[in-house]
Protein backbone atom coordinates (compact mmCIF):
# COMPACT_ATOMS: atom_id res chain seq x y z
CA MET A 1 91.66 39.28 87.84
CA SER A 2 93.88 36.65 86.39
CA GLU A 3 93.82 34.83 89.74
CA GLU A 4 90.01 34.70 89.68
CA GLU A 5 90.02 33.27 86.16
CA THR A 6 92.43 30.54 87.15
CA ILE A 7 90.33 29.67 90.19
CA GLU A 8 87.19 29.44 88.06
CA LYS A 9 88.97 27.19 85.60
CA GLU A 10 90.22 24.87 88.32
CA GLU A 11 86.84 24.40 90.01
CA PRO A 12 85.06 22.80 87.03
CA LYS A 13 87.98 20.41 86.55
CA LYS A 14 87.48 19.14 90.07
CA LYS A 15 83.73 18.63 89.58
CA THR A 16 83.81 16.79 86.25
CA PRO A 17 85.65 13.65 87.46
CA ALA A 18 83.09 13.24 90.25
CA LYS A 19 80.26 13.30 87.68
CA LYS A 20 81.92 10.78 85.37
CA THR A 21 82.46 8.18 88.07
CA PRO A 22 78.75 7.39 88.74
CA ALA A 23 78.02 7.34 85.00
CA LYS A 24 80.59 4.58 84.50
CA LYS A 25 79.03 2.45 87.24
CA THR A 26 75.44 2.53 85.92
CA PRO A 27 76.03 0.83 82.54
CA ALA A 28 77.90 -1.97 84.27
CA LYS A 29 74.82 -2.66 86.39
CA LYS A 30 72.47 -2.60 83.39
CA THR A 31 74.49 -5.02 81.26
CA PRO A 32 73.85 -8.18 83.34
CA ALA A 33 70.13 -7.38 83.52
CA LYS A 34 69.89 -7.30 79.73
CA LYS A 35 71.61 -10.66 79.38
CA GLU A 36 69.16 -12.28 81.79
CA THR A 37 66.05 -11.04 79.95
CA GLN A 38 67.17 -12.04 76.44
CA LYS A 39 65.77 -15.44 75.49
CA ILE A 40 66.43 -15.24 71.74
CA PRO A 41 70.09 -15.41 70.60
CA GLU A 42 71.43 -12.05 69.40
CA LYS A 43 72.01 -13.34 65.87
CA GLN A 44 68.36 -14.33 65.44
CA GLN A 45 67.01 -11.32 67.33
CA SER A 46 68.71 -8.90 64.95
CA GLN A 47 66.85 -10.53 62.06
CA ILE A 48 63.39 -9.81 63.52
CA ILE A 49 61.55 -6.60 62.65
CA TYR A 50 58.72 -5.60 64.99
CA ILE A 51 56.24 -3.37 63.17
CA GLY A 52 55.08 -0.24 64.97
CA LYS A 53 54.08 3.33 64.16
CA LYS A 54 56.99 4.37 61.91
CA ASP A 55 56.63 4.92 58.18
CA THR A 56 56.45 1.88 55.93
CA ILE A 57 59.58 2.81 53.99
CA SER A 58 61.63 2.87 57.20
CA TYR A 59 60.82 -0.79 57.85
CA VAL A 60 61.43 -1.67 54.19
CA LEU A 61 64.95 -0.22 54.38
CA VAL A 62 65.63 -2.18 57.57
CA ALA A 63 64.42 -5.38 55.87
CA VAL A 64 66.61 -4.74 52.82
CA THR A 65 69.63 -4.12 55.08
CA ILE A 66 69.04 -7.34 57.01
CA LEU A 67 68.54 -9.39 53.84
CA ASN A 68 71.76 -8.01 52.36
CA LYS A 69 73.68 -9.24 55.42
CA SER A 70 71.91 -12.55 56.08
CA ASP A 71 69.70 -15.12 54.39
CA MET A 72 66.56 -14.62 56.46
CA CYS A 73 64.39 -11.82 57.87
CA SER A 74 61.27 -12.09 60.01
CA ILE A 75 58.59 -9.36 60.03
CA GLN A 76 56.29 -9.52 63.05
CA ALA A 77 53.16 -7.48 63.74
CA ARG A 78 49.93 -7.64 65.64
CA GLY A 79 46.58 -5.91 65.56
CA ARG A 80 46.18 -2.97 63.21
CA GLN A 81 49.81 -3.17 62.10
CA ILE A 82 49.28 -6.49 60.27
CA SER A 83 48.35 -4.74 57.01
CA LYS A 84 51.52 -2.64 57.26
CA ALA A 85 53.61 -5.81 57.76
CA VAL A 86 52.13 -7.31 54.58
CA ASP A 87 52.86 -4.08 52.69
CA ILE A 88 56.46 -4.09 53.93
CA ALA A 89 57.01 -7.69 52.86
CA GLU A 90 55.53 -7.08 49.41
CA ILE A 91 57.39 -3.82 48.78
CA THR A 92 60.65 -5.45 49.84
CA ARG A 93 60.00 -8.49 47.64
CA ARG A 94 58.63 -6.75 44.53
CA LYS A 95 60.38 -3.36 44.38
CA PHE A 96 63.72 -3.55 46.18
CA LEU A 97 64.95 -7.15 45.98
CA GLN A 98 63.29 -8.48 42.83
CA ASP A 99 64.01 -12.13 42.05
CA MET A 100 66.34 -12.33 45.07
CA ILE A 101 63.98 -13.21 47.91
CA GLU A 102 60.74 -15.06 48.45
CA VAL A 103 58.16 -15.41 51.19
CA ASP A 104 59.21 -18.60 52.96
CA GLU A 105 56.47 -18.84 55.56
CA VAL A 106 53.52 -16.90 56.98
CA ILE A 107 52.50 -17.71 60.54
CA ILE A 108 49.22 -16.35 61.88
CA GLY A 109 48.00 -16.55 65.43
CA SER A 110 46.55 -14.65 68.35
CA GLU A 111 47.69 -13.43 71.76
CA GLU A 112 45.77 -12.65 74.91
CA ILE A 113 46.59 -9.31 76.47
CA HIS A 114 45.71 -9.06 80.13
CA SER A 115 44.69 -5.76 81.67
CA ASP A 116 46.31 -4.33 84.80
CA GLU A 117 42.89 -3.53 86.26
CA GLU A 118 40.80 -6.21 87.94
CA GLY A 119 37.48 -7.31 86.50
CA ILE A 120 38.40 -6.58 82.87
CA PRO A 121 38.60 -9.71 80.70
CA PRO A 122 41.72 -10.25 78.56
CA LYS A 123 41.67 -9.02 74.96
CA THR A 124 42.56 -11.27 72.05
CA VAL A 125 44.84 -9.68 69.43
CA SER A 126 45.71 -11.19 66.05
CA THR A 127 49.38 -11.68 65.16
CA VAL A 128 51.32 -12.40 61.99
CA GLU A 129 54.92 -13.35 61.26
CA ILE A 130 56.18 -13.16 57.67
CA ILE A 131 59.51 -14.88 57.02
CA LEU A 132 61.49 -13.73 53.97
CA LYS A 133 64.39 -15.81 52.65
CA ARG A 134 66.89 -15.57 49.84
CA LYS A 135 66.27 -17.77 46.80
């Protein structure tokens, strides 16, 4: 029985290195693709918060963290999330970082979203960008 146990132990050792080898190759292939698609420098990109479906307080904590590390933070939203972006900026400014930051600029605009299906006209969606800076 001891021989069977040693054989069972040796077989998984032989299989695991074969599994690790392909896993090491895939991240190397993905890394150059990410560098090609990034148009915004990493330093500026880390200071942008895109508003989505998470809770408001989650985005407020991210904004506070960014403003503690740098002088500027940009909150971007579109469509129905615009009201949440305004709430996040105001909660960050009034409750968490009182007298430390101010709203530097508010940029409003619109984007056209094209459908994948033919014959459907593009939709226009409102956008907002709120830039917070240290005083």
